Amino acid sequence: MKVLLALDGTRTGEPAAEAIAGWAKSTGSEIILYSVLHPKELRATVSEPRFAHTITPQGTASGQVLHGVRPPYAVISEDRTQTLVRAHAEREEYLRSLASRLFEGVAVSVRVGDGADSAGSIVRMAADEGVDFIAMATRGRSALGQAMFGAVHEDVVRKARVPVLLVGPGVLQLTGPVDID
């Protein structure tokens, strides 16, 4: 069985990775660790490491100006392309470290995509790779929280042509077959 495990690059998804790792070891499944970089996640490197700004689609830094506080005179030291390349490398490294820590003995590949439509990217990757199902973490937000901040997993469930396994934040490690029929 081939599974796409979609992760957001934060520790929030690690319980899902731990659960799927136990299951994959017991079933001999192949796992694709996949993460989508959203443009709002991209942070430029600046001359002072303690400062980071969001990069707009136009390639300029954005940030909040506090009245009465002089802004730092940090200089952005990379362009949007360099930021994207660095962010891809950092996310790949995170996924590889997760794979080596949790998925020992499992066939694992790592993929990183980018774009504003995270759910669409996950669904396309699942179709391109011909996976049997998609697994992903949920944050356990309330309905109000989901309405305010959105929920990628809901869009994936609506758009996917394969089953989607949602793993809650408090799940225990799976150790046996999961019947998806």
C-alpha atoms as a PDB file:
ATOM      1  CA  MET A   1       0.000   0.000   0.000  1.00  0.00           C
ATOM      2  CA  LYS A   2       1.225   3.501  -0.839  1.00  0.00           C
ATOM      3  CA  VAL A   3       0.296   6.415   1.433  1.00  0.00           C
ATOM      4  CA  LEU A   4       0.778  10.162   1.134  1.00  0.00           C
ATOM      5  CA  LEU A   5       1.325  11.636   4.607  1.00  0.00           C
ATOM      6  CA  ALA A   6       0.737  15.387   4.343  1.00  0.00           C
ATOM      7  CA  LEU A   7       2.563  17.422   6.997  1.00  0.00           C
ATOM      8  CA  ASP A   8       2.656  21.176   7.547  1.00  0.00           C
ATOM      9  CA  GLY A   9       6.253  21.326   8.757  1.00  0.00           C
ATOM     10  CA  THR A  10       5.320  21.972  12.384  1.00  0.00           C
ATOM     11  CA  ARG A  11       5.265  19.683  15.394  1.00  0.00           C
ATOM     12  CA  THR A  12       1.452  19.607  15.133  1.00  0.00           C
ATOM     13  CA  GLY A  13       1.710  16.888  12.489  1.00  0.00           C
ATOM     14  CA  GLU A  14       4.154  14.690  14.363  1.00  0.00           C
ATOM     15  CA  PRO A  15       1.511  12.638  16.241  1.00  0.00           C
ATOM     16  CA  ALA A  16       0.066  11.710  12.839  1.00  0.00           C
ATOM     17  CA  ALA A  17       3.542  10.769  11.610  1.00  0.00           C
ATOM     18  CA  GLU A  18       4.121   8.614  14.697  1.00  0.00           C
ATOM     19  CA  ALA A  19       0.768   6.862  14.233  1.00  0.00           C
ATOM     20  CA  ILE A  20       1.340   6.201  10.535  1.00  0.00           C
ATOM     21  CA  ALA A  21       4.934   5.065  11.176  1.00  0.00           C
ATOM     22  CA  GLY A  22       3.775   2.277  13.478  1.00  0.00           C
ATOM     23  CA  TRP A  23       1.163   1.184  10.968  1.00  0.00           C
ATOM     24  CA  ALA A  24       3.585   1.346   8.010  1.00  0.00           C
ATOM     25  CA  LYS A  25       6.145  -0.810   9.840  1.00  0.00           C
ATOM     26  CA  SER A  26       3.551  -3.494  10.558  1.00  0.00           C
ATOM     27  CA  THR A  27       2.079  -3.518   7.040  1.00  0.00           C
ATOM     28  CA  GLY A  28       5.157  -2.902   4.873  1.00  0.00           C
ATOM     29  CA  SER A  29       3.544   0.151   3.295  1.00  0.00           C
ATOM     30  CA  GLU A  30       5.374   2.782   1.281  1.00  0.00           C
ATOM     31  CA  ILE A  31       5.114   6.331   2.657  1.00  0.00           C
ATOM     32  CA  ILE A  32       5.497   9.664   0.887  1.00  0.00           C
ATOM     33  CA  LEU A  33       6.113  12.496   3.344  1.00  0.00           C
ATOM     34  CA  TYR A  34       4.741  15.602   1.640  1.00  0.00           C
ATOM     35  CA  SER A  35       4.673  19.210   2.751  1.00  0.00           C
ATOM     36  CA  VAL A  36       3.430  22.336   0.998  1.00  0.00           C
ATOM     37  CA  LEU A  37       5.145  25.688   1.562  1.00  0.00           C
ATOM     38  CA  HIS A  38       2.510  28.417   1.614  1.00  0.00           C
ATOM     39  CA  PRO A  39       3.712  31.868   0.443  1.00  0.00           C
ATOM     40  CA  LYS A  40       2.821  33.313   3.867  1.00  0.00           C
ATOM     41  CA  GLU A  41       5.351  30.948   5.473  1.00  0.00           C
ATOM     42  CA  LEU A  42       8.313  32.300   3.514  1.00  0.00           C
ATOM     43  CA  ARG A  43      10.682  34.426   5.565  1.00  0.00           C
ATOM     44  CA  ALA A  44      13.581  36.327   4.076  1.00  0.00           C
ATOM     45  CA  THR A  45      17.008  36.235   5.632  1.00  0.00           C
ATOM     46  CA  VAL A  46      18.027  39.697   6.772  1.00  0.00           C
ATOM     47  CA  SER A  47      21.304  41.241   7.872  1.00  0.00           C
ATOM     48  CA  GLU A  48      20.360  40.880  11.536  1.00  0.00           C
ATOM     49  CA  PRO A  49      19.304  37.280  12.308  1.00  0.00           C
ATOM     50  CA  ARG A  50      16.812  38.381  14.963  1.00  0.00           C
ATOM     51  CA  PHE A  51      14.624  40.117  12.354  1.00  0.00           C
ATOM     52  CA  ALA A  52      12.522  38.352   9.725  1.00  0.00           C
ATOM     53  CA  HIS A  53       9.854  39.720   7.435  1.00  0.00           C
ATOM     54  CA  THR A  54       7.187  38.105   5.326  1.00  0.00           C
ATOM     55  CA  ILE A  55       7.932  38.473   1.626  1.00  0.00           C
ATOM     56  CA  THR A  56       5.072  39.724  -0.530  1.00  0.00           C
ATOM     57  CA  PRO A  57       4.358  38.230  -3.979  1.00  0.00           C
ATOM     58  CA  GLN A  58       6.124  41.303  -5.405  1.00  0.00           C
ATOM     59  CA  GLY A  59       9.318  40.287  -3.582  1.00  0.00           C
ATOM     60  CA  THR A  60       9.317  43.087  -1.009  1.00  0.00           C
ATOM     61  CA  ALA A  61       9.363  42.764   2.755  1.00  0.00           C
ATOM     62  CA  SER A  62       6.203  43.448   4.692  1.00  0.00           C
ATOM     63  CA  GLY A  63       5.817  43.931   8.399  1.00  0.00           C
ATOM     64  CA  GLN A  64       4.136  45.867  11.144  1.00  0.00           C
ATOM     65  CA  VAL A  65       5.185  49.433  11.930  1.00  0.00           C
ATOM     66  CA  LEU A  66       4.800  50.432  15.566  1.00  0.00           C
ATOM     67  CA  HIS A  67       4.236  54.153  16.038  1.00  0.00           C
ATOM     68  CA  GLY A  68       6.887  55.730  18.211  1.00  0.00           C
ATOM     69  CA  VAL A  69       9.310  52.823  17.674  1.00  0.00           C
ATOM     70  CA  ARG A  70      12.106  53.210  15.173  1.00  0.00           C
ATOM     71  CA  PRO A  71      12.133  50.330  12.720  1.00  0.00           C
ATOM     72  CA  PRO A  72      15.258  48.190  12.638  1.00  0.00           C
ATOM     73  CA  TYR A  73      17.585  48.919   9.762  1.00  0.00           C
ATOM     74  CA  ALA A  74      17.956  45.329   8.695  1.00  0.00           C
ATOM     75  CA  VAL A  75      18.672  44.641   5.048  1.00  0.00           C
ATOM     76  CA  ILE A  76      17.055  41.727   3.232  1.00  0.00           C
ATOM     77  CA  SER A  77      19.935  39.590   2.019  1.00  0.00           C
ATOM     78  CA  GLU A  78      18.123  37.271  -0.398  1.00  0.00           C
ATOM     79  CA  ASP A  79      15.525  37.593  -3.137  1.00  0.00           C
ATOM     80  CA  ARG A  80      12.255  35.649  -3.376  1.00  0.00           C
ATOM     81  CA  THR A  81      13.798  32.821  -5.415  1.00  0.00           C
ATOM     82  CA  GLN A  82      16.640  32.382  -2.927  1.00  0.00           C
ATOM     83  CA  THR A  83      14.120  32.415  -0.081  1.00  0.00           C
ATOM     84  CA  LEU A  84      12.032  29.726  -1.785  1.00  0.00           C
ATOM     85  CA  VAL A  85      15.075  27.525  -2.491  1.00  0.00           C
ATOM     86  CA  ARG A  86      16.244  27.860   1.120  1.00  0.00           C
ATOM     87  CA  ALA A  87      12.746  27.176   2.494  1.00  0.00           C
ATOM     88  CA  HIS A  88      12.446  24.056   0.294  1.00  0.00           C
ATOM     89  CA  ALA A  89      15.804  22.791   1.555  1.00  0.00           C
ATOM     90  CA  GLU A  90      14.863  23.454   5.195  1.00  0.00           C
ATOM     91  CA  ARG A  91      11.493  21.689   4.830  1.00  0.00           C
ATOM     92  CA  GLU A  92      13.122  18.720   3.052  1.00  0.00           C
ATOM     93  CA  GLU A  93      15.667  18.466   5.865  1.00  0.00           C
ATOM     94  CA  TYR A  94      12.868  18.497   8.444  1.00  0.00           C
ATOM     95  CA  LEU A  95      11.004  15.716   6.608  1.00  0.00           C
ATOM     96  CA  ARG A  96      14.198  13.662   6.200  1.00  0.00           C
ATOM     97  CA  SER A  97      14.973  13.958   9.918  1.00  0.00           C
ATOM     98  CA  LEU A  98      11.400  12.911  10.717  1.00  0.00           C
ATOM     99  CA  ALA A  99      11.752   9.952   8.345  1.00  0.00           C
ATOM    100  CA  SER A 100      15.011   8.800   9.924  1.00  0.00           C
ATOM    101  CA  ARG A 101      13.629   9.239  13.450  1.00  0.00           C
ATOM    102  CA  LEU A 102      10.228   7.571  12.979  1.00  0.00           C
ATOM    103  CA  PHE A 103      10.225   5.497   9.798  1.00  0.00           C
ATOM    104  CA  GLU A 104      13.247   3.221  10.190  1.00  0.00           C
ATOM    105  CA  GLY A 105      12.801   0.150   7.990  1.00  0.00           C
ATOM    106  CA  VAL A 106       9.980   1.745   5.960  1.00  0.00           C
ATOM    107  CA  ALA A 107      10.220   2.767   2.289  1.00  0.00           C
ATOM    108  CA  VAL A 108       9.934   6.554   2.578  1.00  0.00           C
ATOM    109  CA  SER A 109      10.290   9.334   0.043  1.00  0.00           C
ATOM    110  CA  VAL A 110      10.198  13.064   0.733  1.00  0.00           C
ATOM    111  CA  ARG A 111       8.518  15.707  -1.422  1.00  0.00           C
ATOM    112  CA  VAL A 112       8.030  19.448  -0.924  1.00  0.00           C
ATOM    113  CA  GLY A 113       5.653  21.595  -2.958  1.00  0.00           C
ATOM    114  CA  ASP A 114       4.707  25.233  -2.801  1.00  0.00           C
ATOM    115  CA  GLY A 115       1.689  27.388  -3.495  1.00  0.00           C
ATOM    116  CA  ALA A 116      -1.256  29.122  -1.897  1.00  0.00           C
ATOM    117  CA  ASP A 117      -3.623  26.165  -2.490  1.00  0.00           C
ATOM    118  CA  SER A 118      -2.219  23.615  -0.043  1.00  0.00           C
ATOM    119  CA  ALA A 119      -5.193  21.264  -0.374  1.00  0.00           C
ATOM    120  CA  GLY A 120      -5.044  21.310  -4.172  1.00  0.00           C
ATOM    121  CA  SER A 121      -1.321  20.602  -4.071  1.00  0.00           C
ATOM    122  CA  ILE A 122      -1.836  17.636  -1.721  1.00  0.00           C
ATOM    123  CA  VAL A 123      -4.594  16.183  -3.905  1.00  0.00           C
ATOM    124  CA  ARG A 124      -2.511  16.618  -7.097  1.00  0.00           C
ATOM    125  CA  MET A 125       0.508  14.947  -5.496  1.00  0.00           C
ATOM    126  CA  ALA A 126      -1.672  12.036  -4.364  1.00  0.00           C
ATOM    127  CA  ALA A 127      -2.995  11.604  -7.912  1.00  0.00           C
ATOM    128  CA  ASP A 128       0.465  11.969  -9.503  1.00  0.00           C
ATOM    129  CA  GLU A 129       1.937   9.357  -7.151  1.00  0.00           C
ATOM    130  CA  GLY A 130      -1.027   6.971  -7.401  1.00  0.00           C
ATOM    131  CA  VAL A 131      -1.421   6.604  -3.637  1.00  0.00           C
ATOM    132  CA  ASP A 132      -4.024   4.378  -2.007  1.00  0.00           C
ATOM    133  CA  PHE A 133      -4.939   6.995   0.583  1.00  0.00           C
ATOM    134  CA  ILE A 134      -3.921  10.321   2.095  1.00  0.00           C
ATOM    135  CA  ALA A 135      -3.183  10.694   5.808  1.00  0.00           C
ATOM    136  CA  MET A 136      -2.920  14.034   7.544  1.00  0.00           C
ATOM    137  CA  ALA A 137      -3.101  15.603  10.973  1.00  0.00           C
ATOM    138  CA  THR A 138      -5.861  17.787  12.298  1.00  0.00           C
ATOM    139  CA  ARG A 139      -5.143  20.451  14.895  1.00  0.00           C
ATOM    140  CA  GLY A 140      -8.269  19.799  16.913  1.00  0.00           C
ATOM    141  CA  ARG A 141      -9.596  23.318  16.415  1.00  0.00           C
ATOM    142  CA  SER A 142     -13.173  24.176  17.274  1.00  0.00           C
ATOM    143  CA  ALA A 143     -15.690  24.937  14.527  1.00  0.00           C
ATOM    144  CA  LEU A 144     -15.119  28.645  15.200  1.00  0.00           C
ATOM    145  CA  GLY A 145     -11.349  28.209  14.911  1.00  0.00           C
ATOM    146  CA  GLN A 146     -11.760  26.368  11.628  1.00  0.00           C
ATOM    147  CA  ALA A 147     -14.089  29.077  10.328  1.00  0.00           C
ATOM    148  CA  MET A 148     -11.590  31.795  11.270  1.00  0.00           C
ATOM    149  CA  PHE A 149      -8.360  30.120  10.197  1.00  0.00           C
ATOM    150  CA  GLY A 150      -9.552  27.582   7.633  1.00  0.00           C
ATOM    151  CA  ALA A 151      -8.950  23.883   7.583  1.00  0.00           C
ATOM    152  CA  VAL A 152      -6.824  22.377   4.813  1.00  0.00           C
ATOM    153  CA  HIS A 153      -7.953  18.881   5.768  1.00  0.00           C
ATOM    154  CA  GLU A 154     -11.585  19.747   4.968  1.00  0.00           C
ATOM    155  CA  ASP A 155     -10.626  20.877   1.461  1.00  0.00           C
ATOM    156  CA  VAL A 156      -8.544  17.728   0.945  1.00  0.00           C
ATOM    157  CA  VAL A 157     -11.475  15.522   1.984  1.00  0.00           C
ATOM    158  CA  ARG A 158     -13.748  17.339  -0.500  1.00  0.00           C
ATOM    159  CA  LYS A 159     -11.278  17.276  -3.427  1.00  0.00           C
ATOM    160  CA  ALA A 160      -9.498  13.923  -3.025  1.00  0.00           C
ATOM    161  CA  ARG A 161     -10.304  10.931  -5.232  1.00  0.00           C
ATOM    162  CA  VAL A 162      -8.838   8.526  -2.658  1.00  0.00           C
ATOM    163  CA  PRO A 163      -9.753   7.966   1.013  1.00  0.00           C
ATOM    164  CA  VAL A 164      -8.404  10.493   3.525  1.00  0.00           C
ATOM    165  CA  LEU A 165      -7.394   9.409   7.034  1.00  0.00           C
ATOM    166  CA  LEU A 166      -7.496  12.297   9.519  1.00  0.00           C
ATOM    167  CA  VAL A 167      -5.363  11.851  12.624  1.00  0.00           C
ATOM    168  CA  GLY A 168      -6.293  13.906  15.684  1.00  0.00           C
ATOM    169  CA  PRO A 169      -3.720  15.520  17.978  1.00  0.00           C
ATOM    170  CA  GLY A 170      -4.092  12.937  20.770  1.00  0.00           C
ATOM    171  CA  VAL A 171      -3.955   9.725  18.733  1.00  0.00           C
ATOM    172  CA  LEU A 172      -1.937   6.720  19.841  1.00  0.00           C
ATOM    173  CA  GLN A 173       0.444   4.918  17.501  1.00  0.00           C
ATOM    174  CA  LEU A 174      -1.316   2.599  15.048  1.00  0.00           C
ATOM    175  CA  THR A 175       0.122  -0.906  15.111  1.00  0.00           C
ATOM    176  CA  GLY A 176      -1.981  -2.924  12.711  1.00  0.00           C
ATOM    177  CA  PRO A 177      -3.829  -2.867   9.410  1.00  0.00           C
ATOM    178  CA  VAL A 178      -6.334  -0.106   8.725  1.00  0.00           C
ATOM    179  CA  ASP A 179      -9.378  -1.224   6.732  1.00  0.00           C
ATOM    180  CA  ILE A 180     -10.178   1.543   4.242  1.00  0.00           C
ATOM    181  CA  ASP A 181     -12.784  -0.361   2.206  1.00  0.00           C
END
